[in-house]
């Protein structure tokens, strides 16, 4: 039962978010060998000013061992 949460800055259209969710779900089905009905994708919009506190610190710095694709930026530097 894969569930993916995508966090990004606001500004994408509903159509863009829907296409993104569908593309992510399609790849999960293909790569993880699961049924489409078992995949869910959520999109959370996080304001730029809150990104370091709400995303970078808790989801990236504090979960380094869980990251399979690391970002090439650091908002604290």
PDB file of N, CA and C in Angstrom:
ATOM      1  N   UNK A   1       0.824  -1.187   0.000  1.00  0.00           N
ATOM      2  CA  UNK A   1       0.000   0.000   0.000  1.00  0.00           C
ATOM      3  C   UNK A   1       0.866   1.247   0.000  1.00  0.00           C
ATOM      4  N   UNK A   2       1.549   1.561  -1.090  1.00  0.00           N
ATOM      5  CA  UNK A   2       2.372   2.760  -1.130  1.00  0.00           C
ATOM      6  C   UNK A   2       1.542   4.034  -1.019  1.00  0.00           C
ATOM      7  N   UNK A   3       2.010   4.937  -0.175  1.00  0.00           N
ATOM      8  CA  UNK A   3       1.431   6.274  -0.066  1.00  0.00           C
ATOM      9  C   UNK A   3       2.581   7.262  -0.167  1.00  0.00           C
ATOM     10  N   UNK A   4       2.469   8.183  -1.095  1.00  0.00           N
ATOM     11  CA  UNK A   4       3.517   9.158  -1.338  1.00  0.00           C
ATOM     12  C   UNK A   4       2.974  10.546  -1.013  1.00  0.00           C
ATOM     13  N   UNK A   5       3.790  11.330  -0.313  1.00  0.00           N
ATOM     14  CA  UNK A   5       3.439  12.719  -0.044  1.00  0.00           C
ATOM     15  C   UNK A   5       4.458  13.600  -0.750  1.00  0.00           C
ATOM     16  N   UNK A   6       3.989  14.425  -1.646  1.00  0.00           N
ATOM     17  CA  UNK A   6       4.844  15.357  -2.368  1.00  0.00           C
ATOM     18  C   UNK A   6       4.653  16.726  -1.733  1.00  0.00           C
ATOM     19  N   UNK A   7       5.749  17.314  -1.289  1.00  0.00           N
ATOM     20  CA  UNK A   7       5.705  18.649  -0.703  1.00  0.00           C
ATOM     21  C   UNK A   7       6.392  19.597  -1.659  1.00  0.00           C
ATOM     22  N   UNK A   8       5.704  20.680  -1.988  1.00  0.00           N
ATOM     23  CA  UNK A   8       6.274  21.645  -2.917  1.00  0.00           C
ATOM     24  C   UNK A   8       5.720  23.036  -2.646  1.00  0.00           C
ATOM     25  N   UNK A   9       6.387  24.023  -3.236  1.00  0.00           N
ATOM     26  CA  UNK A   9       5.904  25.395  -3.102  1.00  0.00           C
ATOM     27  C   UNK A   9       4.549  25.526  -3.798  1.00  0.00           C
ATOM     28  N   UNK A  10       3.697  26.411  -3.336  1.00  0.00           N
ATOM     29  CA  UNK A  10       2.433  26.678  -4.024  1.00  0.00           C
ATOM     30  C   UNK A  10       2.690  27.274  -5.409  1.00  0.00           C
ATOM     31  N   UNK A  11       1.697  27.148  -6.264  1.00  0.00           N
ATOM     32  CA  UNK A  11       1.803  27.796  -7.569  1.00  0.00           C
ATOM     33  C   UNK A  11       1.480  26.894  -8.748  1.00  0.00           C
ATOM     34  N   UNK A  12       1.425  25.599  -8.529  1.00  0.00           N
ATOM     35  CA  UNK A  12       1.081  24.706  -9.636  1.00  0.00           C
ATOM     36  C   UNK A  12      -0.440  24.664  -9.773  1.00  0.00           C
ATOM     37  N   UNK A  13      -0.887  24.456 -10.986  1.00  0.00           N
ATOM     38  CA  UNK A  13      -2.325  24.357 -11.228  1.00  0.00           C
ATOM     39  C   UNK A  13      -2.829  22.992 -10.759  1.00  0.00           C
ATOM     40  N   UNK A  14      -4.134  22.874 -10.614  1.00  0.00           N
ATOM     41  CA  UNK A  14      -4.734  21.590 -10.253  1.00  0.00           C
ATOM     42  C   UNK A  14      -4.410  20.545 -11.313  1.00  0.00           C
ATOM     43  N   UNK A  15      -4.395  20.962 -12.575  1.00  0.00           N
ATOM     44  CA  UNK A  15      -4.063  20.042 -13.662  1.00  0.00           C
ATOM     45  C   UNK A  15      -2.627  19.535 -13.528  1.00  0.00           C
ATOM     46  N   UNK A  16      -1.685  20.421 -13.213  1.00  0.00           N
ATOM     47  CA  UNK A  16      -0.292  20.008 -13.022  1.00  0.00           C
ATOM     48  C   UNK A  16      -0.168  19.033 -11.853  1.00  0.00           C
ATOM     49  N   UNK A  17      -0.846  19.327 -10.753  1.00  0.00           N
ATOM     50  CA  UNK A  17      -0.775  18.442  -9.587  1.00  0.00           C
ATOM     51  C   UNK A  17      -1.392  17.086  -9.896  1.00  0.00           C
ATOM     52  N   UNK A  18      -2.486  17.070 -10.642  1.00  0.00           N
ATOM     53  CA  UNK A  18      -3.115  15.805 -11.021  1.00  0.00           C
ATOM     54  C   UNK A  18      -2.192  14.982 -11.917  1.00  0.00           C
ATOM     55  N   UNK A  19      -1.572  15.634 -12.903  1.00  0.00           N
ATOM     56  CA  UNK A  19      -0.641  14.932 -13.796  1.00  0.00           C
ATOM     57  C   UNK A  19       0.556  14.392 -13.029  1.00  0.00           C
ATOM     58  N   UNK A  20       1.064  15.178 -12.087  1.00  0.00           N
ATOM     59  CA  UNK A  20       2.188  14.730 -11.264  1.00  0.00           C
ATOM     60  C   UNK A  20       1.803  13.504 -10.458  1.00  0.00           C
ATOM     61  N   UNK A  21       0.648  13.549  -9.814  1.00  0.00           N
ATOM     62  CA  UNK A  21       0.185  12.411  -9.009  1.00  0.00           C
ATOM     63  C   UNK A  21       0.005  11.165  -9.872  1.00  0.00           C
ATOM     64  N   UNK A  22      -0.565  11.324 -11.044  1.00  0.00           N
ATOM     65  CA  UNK A  22      -0.765  10.187 -11.947  1.00  0.00           C
ATOM     66  C   UNK A  22       0.561   9.595 -12.415  1.00  0.00           C
ATOM     67  N   UNK A  23       1.535  10.457 -12.729  1.00  0.00           N
ATOM     68  CA  UNK A  23       2.847   9.976 -13.182  1.00  0.00           C
ATOM     69  C   UNK A  23       3.575   9.236 -12.064  1.00  0.00           C
ATOM     70  N   UNK A  24       3.509   9.771 -10.859  1.00  0.00           N
ATOM     71  CA  UNK A  24       4.139   9.110  -9.714  1.00  0.00           C
ATOM     72  C   UNK A  24       3.487   7.749  -9.475  1.00  0.00           C
ATOM     73  N   UNK A  25       2.166   7.720  -9.486  1.00  0.00           N
ATOM     74  CA  UNK A  25       1.442   6.463  -9.254  1.00  0.00           C
ATOM     75  C   UNK A  25       1.782   5.434 -10.328  1.00  0.00           C
ATOM     76  N   UNK A  26       1.862   5.859 -11.572  1.00  0.00           N
ATOM     77  CA  UNK A  26       2.192   4.953 -12.674  1.00  0.00           C
ATOM     78  C   UNK A  26       3.576   4.332 -12.468  1.00  0.00           C
ATOM     79  N   UNK A  27       4.546   5.143 -12.103  1.00  0.00           N
ATOM     80  CA  UNK A  27       5.896   4.621 -11.868  1.00  0.00           C
ATOM     81  C   UNK A  27       5.936   3.682 -10.666  1.00  0.00           C
ATOM     82  N   UNK A  28       5.186   3.995  -9.625  1.00  0.00           N
ATOM     83  CA  UNK A  28       5.149   3.108  -8.455  1.00  0.00           C
ATOM     84  C   UNK A  28       4.593   1.747  -8.849  1.00  0.00           C
ATOM     85  N   UNK A  29       3.510   1.737  -9.606  1.00  0.00           N
ATOM     86  CA  UNK A  29       2.909   0.477 -10.049  1.00  0.00           C
ATOM     87  C   UNK A  29       3.923  -0.328 -10.857  1.00  0.00           C
ATOM     88  N   UNK A  30       4.617   0.323 -11.767  1.00  0.00           N
ATOM     89  CA  UNK A  30       5.588  -0.353 -12.627  1.00  0.00           C
ATOM     90  C   UNK A  30       6.794  -0.868 -11.846  1.00  0.00           C
ATOM     91  N   UNK A  31       7.364  -0.039 -11.029  1.00  0.00           N
ATOM     92  CA  UNK A  31       8.621  -0.378 -10.351  1.00  0.00           C
ATOM     93  C   UNK A  31       8.402  -1.231  -9.110  1.00  0.00           C
ATOM     94  N   UNK A  32       7.395  -0.889  -8.314  1.00  0.00           N
ATOM     95  CA  UNK A  32       7.160  -1.620  -7.057  1.00  0.00           C
ATOM     96  C   UNK A  32       6.281  -2.855  -7.252  1.00  0.00           C
ATOM     97  N   UNK A  33       5.777  -3.037  -8.480  1.00  0.00           N
ATOM     98  CA  UNK A  33       4.958  -4.220  -8.811  1.00  0.00           C
ATOM     99  C   UNK A  33       3.757  -4.332  -7.875  1.00  0.00           C
ATOM    100  N   UNK A  34       2.941  -3.293  -7.869  1.00  0.00           N
ATOM    101  CA  UNK A  34       1.720  -3.317  -7.070  1.00  0.00           C
ATOM    102  C   UNK A  34       0.563  -2.851  -7.950  1.00  0.00           C
ATOM    103  N   UNK A  35      -0.629  -3.007  -7.432  1.00  0.00           N
ATOM    104  CA  UNK A  35      -1.807  -2.598  -8.192  1.00  0.00           C
ATOM    105  C   UNK A  35      -2.044  -1.098  -8.036  1.00  0.00           C
ATOM    106  N   UNK A  36      -2.559  -0.498  -9.085  1.00  0.00           N
ATOM    107  CA  UNK A  36      -2.846   0.929  -9.067  1.00  0.00           C
ATOM    108  C   UNK A  36      -3.815   1.282  -7.934  1.00  0.00           C
ATOM    109  N   UNK A  37      -4.740   0.409  -7.641  1.00  0.00           N
ATOM    110  CA  UNK A  37      -5.737   0.711  -6.609  1.00  0.00           C
ATOM    111  C   UNK A  37      -5.134   0.781  -5.206  1.00  0.00           C
ATOM    112  N   UNK A  38      -3.910   0.299  -5.057  1.00  0.00           N
ATOM    113  CA  UNK A  38      -3.277   0.332  -3.735  1.00  0.00           C
ATOM    114  C   UNK A  38      -2.379   1.553  -3.533  1.00  0.00           C
ATOM    115  N   UNK A  39      -2.246   2.384  -4.570  1.00  0.00           N
ATOM    116  CA  UNK A  39      -1.356   3.546  -4.513  1.00  0.00           C
ATOM    117  C   UNK A  39      -2.160   4.819  -4.238  1.00  0.00           C
ATOM    118  N   UNK A  40      -1.630   5.637  -3.329  1.00  0.00           N
ATOM    119  CA  UNK A  40      -2.229   6.960  -3.100  1.00  0.00           C
ATOM    120  C   UNK A  40      -1.115   8.004  -3.117  1.00  0.00           C
ATOM    121  N   UNK A  41      -1.459   9.187  -3.602  1.00  0.00           N
ATOM    122  CA  UNK A  41      -0.500  10.279  -3.701  1.00  0.00           C
ATOM    123  C   UNK A  41      -1.164  11.551  -3.170  1.00  0.00           C
ATOM    124  N   UNK A  42      -0.511  12.194  -2.225  1.00  0.00           N
ATOM    125  CA  UNK A  42      -0.990  13.466  -1.685  1.00  0.00           C
ATOM    126  C   UNK A  42       0.006  14.555  -2.054  1.00  0.00           C
ATOM    127  N   UNK A  43      -0.505  15.761  -2.207  1.00  0.00           N
ATOM    128  CA  UNK A  43       0.354  16.906  -2.485  1.00  0.00           C
ATOM    129  C   UNK A  43       0.092  17.952  -1.418  1.00  0.00           C
ATOM    130  N   UNK A  44       1.169  18.355  -0.747  1.00  0.00           N
ATOM    131  CA  UNK A  44       1.093  19.383   0.285  1.00  0.00           C
ATOM    132  C   UNK A  44       1.864  20.602  -0.188  1.00  0.00           C
ATOM    133  N   UNK A  45       1.198  21.732  -0.218  1.00  0.00           N
ATOM    134  CA  UNK A  45       1.865  22.966  -0.599  1.00  0.00           C
ATOM    135  C   UNK A  45       2.415  23.639   0.650  1.00  0.00           C
ATOM    136  N   UNK A  46       3.700  23.941   0.621  1.00  0.00           N
ATOM    137  CA  UNK A  46       4.397  24.561   1.744  1.00  0.00           C
ATOM    138  C   UNK A  46       4.953  25.900   1.273  1.00  0.00           C
ATOM    139  N   UNK A  47       4.628  26.949   1.988  1.00  0.00           N
ATOM    140  CA  UNK A  47       5.130  28.278   1.620  1.00  0.00           C
ATOM    141  C   UNK A  47       6.657  28.311   1.691  1.00  0.00           C
ATOM    142  N   UNK A  48       7.258  29.053   0.793  1.00  0.00           N
ATOM    143  CA  UNK A  48       8.726  29.172   0.696  1.00  0.00           C
ATOM    144  C   UNK A  48       9.351  29.547   2.041  1.00  0.00           C
ATOM    145  N   UNK A  49       8.725  30.475   2.754  1.00  0.00           N
ATOM    146  CA  UNK A  49       9.271  30.946   4.030  1.00  0.00           C
ATOM    147  C   UNK A  49       9.274  29.854   5.099  1.00  0.00           C
ATOM    148  N   UNK A  50       8.423  28.864   4.963  1.00  0.00           N
ATOM    149  CA  UNK A  50       8.298  27.803   5.963  1.00  0.00           C
ATOM    150  C   UNK A  50       9.031  26.523   5.563  1.00  0.00           C
ATOM    151  N   UNK A  51       9.607  26.501   4.375  1.00  0.00           N
ATOM    152  CA  UNK A  51      10.211  25.266   3.843  1.00  0.00           C
ATOM    153  C   UNK A  51      11.298  24.687   4.747  1.00  0.00           C
ATOM    154  N   UNK A  52      12.224  25.498   5.186  1.00  0.00           N
ATOM    155  CA  UNK A  52      13.339  25.001   6.002  1.00  0.00           C
ATOM    156  C   UNK A  52      12.824  24.367   7.292  1.00  0.00           C
ATOM    157  N   UNK A  53      11.871  25.011   7.927  1.00  0.00           N
ATOM    158  CA  UNK A  53      11.342  24.526   9.201  1.00  0.00           C
ATOM    159  C   UNK A  53      10.384  23.350   9.047  1.00  0.00           C
ATOM    160  N   UNK A  54       9.528  23.396   8.031  1.00  0.00           N
ATOM    161  CA  UNK A  54       8.474  22.380   7.903  1.00  0.00           C
ATOM    162  C   UNK A  54       8.859  21.182   7.044  1.00  0.00           C
ATOM    163  N   UNK A  55       9.878  21.344   6.199  1.00  0.00           N
ATOM    164  CA  UNK A  55      10.256  20.241   5.311  1.00  0.00           C
ATOM    165  C   UNK A  55      11.729  19.868   5.459  1.00  0.00           C
ATOM    166  N   UNK A  56      12.631  20.830   5.232  1.00  0.00           N
ATOM    167  CA  UNK A  56      14.053  20.490   5.189  1.00  0.00           C
ATOM    168  C   UNK A  56      14.550  19.882   6.499  1.00  0.00           C
ATOM    169  N   UNK A  57      14.259  20.539   7.604  1.00  0.00           N
ATOM    170  CA  UNK A  57      14.727  20.031   8.905  1.00  0.00           C
ATOM    171  C   UNK A  57      14.099  18.669   9.258  1.00  0.00           C
ATOM    172  N   UNK A  58      12.766  18.552   9.291  1.00  0.00           N
ATOM    173  CA  UNK A  58      12.182  17.288   9.745  1.00  0.00           C
ATOM    174  C   UNK A  58      12.268  16.143   8.738  1.00  0.00           C
ATOM    175  N   UNK A  59      12.120  16.444   7.447  1.00  0.00           N
ATOM    176  CA  UNK A  59      12.024  15.368   6.450  1.00  0.00           C
ATOM    177  C   UNK A  59      13.325  15.044   5.736  1.00  0.00           C
ATOM    178  N   UNK A  60      14.266  15.970   5.750  1.00  0.00           N
ATOM    179  CA  UNK A  60      15.529  15.750   5.039  1.00  0.00           C
ATOM    180  C   UNK A  60      16.681  15.580   6.028  1.00  0.00           C
ATOM    181  N   UNK A  61      16.950  16.598   6.828  1.00  0.00           N
ATOM    182  CA  UNK A  61      18.061  16.493   7.786  1.00  0.00           C
ATOM    183  C   UNK A  61      17.829  15.410   8.833  1.00  0.00           C
ATOM    184  N   UNK A  62      16.621  15.322   9.349  1.00  0.00           N
ATOM    185  CA  UNK A  62      16.344  14.365  10.423  1.00  0.00           C
ATOM    186  C   UNK A  62      16.058  12.958   9.938  1.00  0.00           C
ATOM    187  N   UNK A  63      16.003  12.747   8.634  1.00  0.00           N
ATOM    188  CA  UNK A  63      15.713  11.414   8.091  1.00  0.00           C
ATOM    189  C   UNK A  63      16.676  11.057   6.967  1.00  0.00           C
ATOM    190  N   UNK A  64      17.931  11.386   7.159  1.00  0.00           N
ATOM    191  CA  UNK A  64      18.941  11.144   6.124  1.00  0.00           C
ATOM    192  C   UNK A  64      19.010   9.679   5.694  1.00  0.00           C
ATOM    193  N   UNK A  65      18.833   8.765   6.630  1.00  0.00           N
ATOM    194  CA  UNK A  65      18.918   7.340   6.304  1.00  0.00           C
ATOM    195  C   UNK A  65      17.757   6.865   5.436  1.00  0.00           C
ATOM    196  N   UNK A  66      16.676   7.625   5.402  1.00  0.00           N
ATOM    197  CA  UNK A  66      15.507   7.251   4.602  1.00  0.00           C
ATOM    198  C   UNK A  66      15.527   7.869   3.211  1.00  0.00           C
ATOM    199  N   UNK A  67      16.420   8.806   2.970  1.00  0.00           N
ATOM    200  CA  UNK A  67      16.467   9.505   1.681  1.00  0.00           C
ATOM    201  C   UNK A  67      17.166   8.663   0.624  1.00  0.00           C
ATOM    202  N   UNK A  68      16.523   8.504  -0.504  1.00  0.00           N
ATOM    203  CA  UNK A  68      17.141   7.799  -1.628  1.00  0.00           C
ATOM    204  C   UNK A  68      17.574   8.773  -2.718  1.00  0.00           C
ATOM    205  N   UNK A  69      17.041   9.960  -2.671  1.00  0.00           N
ATOM    206  CA  UNK A  69      17.459  11.043  -3.573  1.00  0.00           C
ATOM    207  C   UNK A  69      17.645  12.270  -2.697  1.00  0.00           C
ATOM    208  N   UNK A  70      18.895  12.669  -2.525  1.00  0.00           N
ATOM    209  CA  UNK A  70      19.212  13.799  -1.657  1.00  0.00           C
ATOM    210  C   UNK A  70      19.197  15.097  -2.465  1.00  0.00           C
ATOM    211  N   UNK A  71      18.760  16.190  -1.845  1.00  0.00           N
ATOM    212  CA  UNK A  71      18.736  17.463  -2.572  1.00  0.00           C
ATOM    213  C   UNK A  71      20.139  18.041  -2.715  1.00  0.00           C
ATOM    214  N   UNK A  72      20.282  18.907  -3.674  1.00  0.00           N
ATOM    215  CA  UNK A  72      21.562  19.570  -3.911  1.00  0.00           C
ATOM    216  C   UNK A  72      21.599  20.973  -3.348  1.00  0.00           C
ATOM    217  N   UNK A  73      20.808  21.230  -2.324  1.00  0.00           N
ATOM    218  CA  UNK A  73      20.779  22.554  -1.714  1.00  0.00           C
ATOM    219  C   UNK A  73      20.682  22.411  -0.208  1.00  0.00           C
ATOM    220  N   UNK A  74      20.984  23.486   0.497  1.00  0.00           N
ATOM    221  CA  UNK A  74      20.823  23.526   1.954  1.00  0.00           C
ATOM    222  C   UNK A  74      20.388  24.944   2.310  1.00  0.00           C
ATOM    223  N   UNK A  75      19.145  25.111   2.756  1.00  0.00           N
ATOM    224  CA  UNK A  75      18.663  26.459   3.046  1.00  0.00           C
ATOM    225  C   UNK A  75      19.322  27.096   4.271  1.00  0.00           C
ATOM    226  N   UNK A  76      20.087  26.311   5.017  1.00  0.00           N
ATOM    227  CA  UNK A  76      20.736  26.827   6.217  1.00  0.00           C
ATOM    228  C   UNK A  76      22.157  27.334   5.963  1.00  0.00           C
ATOM    229  N   UNK A  77      22.629  27.192   4.746  1.00  0.00           N
ATOM    230  CA  UNK A  77      23.992  27.601   4.404  1.00  0.00           C
ATOM    231  C   UNK A  77      23.975  28.918   3.666  1.00  0.00           C
TER     232      UNK A  77
END
